[in-house]
């Protein structure tokens, strides 16, 4: 398998890296996430101009027609800078649902606006009180004459605080359906929140809200599952970027910080701990590549995603905690970035299944193999 990037992929990666590096330093990021809308609209527009927001959409739908590898590169750079722009939650992930399930008219009306940065989406699927993977949806959609009416509650909805259009999963007579809902429509109650890592979302209730089916009103369970795998893969890539930067900050600190008149790097125990962080990073990177390559081959396998997410969760916890520990007291301050990397890695671990959830998923499939080794 060829892991070398093409010239076009490297150019895309370098462009996004330079853009986010110019746009954010730790102090400015803290200022941006503390003010509405929680990200920089100027950077959002620039990301749209360079094609990031429509990266995976077909060219006929206003996108670039790129695949999972390019999306992985973008997510990694977002993680490296802890960029608060909701590229994944407001564009690539819900936009992928529209691209796959939407009618031609829906695609033409929605996707070009998303790619231009003029329309923010949110996928409302997770429900309160349910661990991953979620059971059958308690949110329902019933036909009333020529319309559909959705009733239920979705929480958390990442990016739901500022979304212009919601894609809501709901149980129908045919199975799991997907519906388009205007968050300003009658019967919608949206309660925004800010998470501990600075990201934003909403708790959204639907009380007999008129909705438009995304595509047909048939069973979309398989599409929801494959979209979940793609979202997990993007989260894994974002976590790798965050881990890379947390390790870089830590090794630079060990080189420059002095104690007893000598640099911390001269203490063997500290360098060994940094080396262990590097091992965890490479394990995480290999699993991120694994799930991304499976998607590139057209195989959105939940088991592969669970393996990757499990490794990412363990590596992220190890690297994030060690980064704070090796920095000492400064690692706990809000002004220094390393604590924010730990916060984001923790949030990623708890999104779409934490280590316990993914272990449970893998344990359920042990019987699928003739030999299981620990």
Foldseek 3Di string as FASTA:
>chain_A
DDPDDDPVLVVLLVVLLVLLVVVDDLVVLVVQLVDPPRADVVSLQVCLVVQLLQDCADVVLQHDNDALVSLLSNLLSCLLNVHQPPSPFFGDLVLVVLRPAADPVSSNVPNNCRSNSNFTEWEFEAAPPAAPPGDFDPWAWDDDPPWIWIFDKGPWIFVAVDGQKYWYWHQDPQGIFTWIAGCPFPQKDWAKDADPLSTITTIIGGDRTTTHTRHDRHHCVVVVLLSLLSSLLSLLSSLLSLLVNLLVVLVVQQCPDDDPRHRNCVDVVLVVLSVVLVVLSVVLVVLSVVSSVCVVVVHSDVLSSLVNLLSLQVSLQSSLVSSLVSNPPVSPDSSDCSNSSSSSSNVSCRPNHHNVRSVVVNVVCPVVDPDDDD
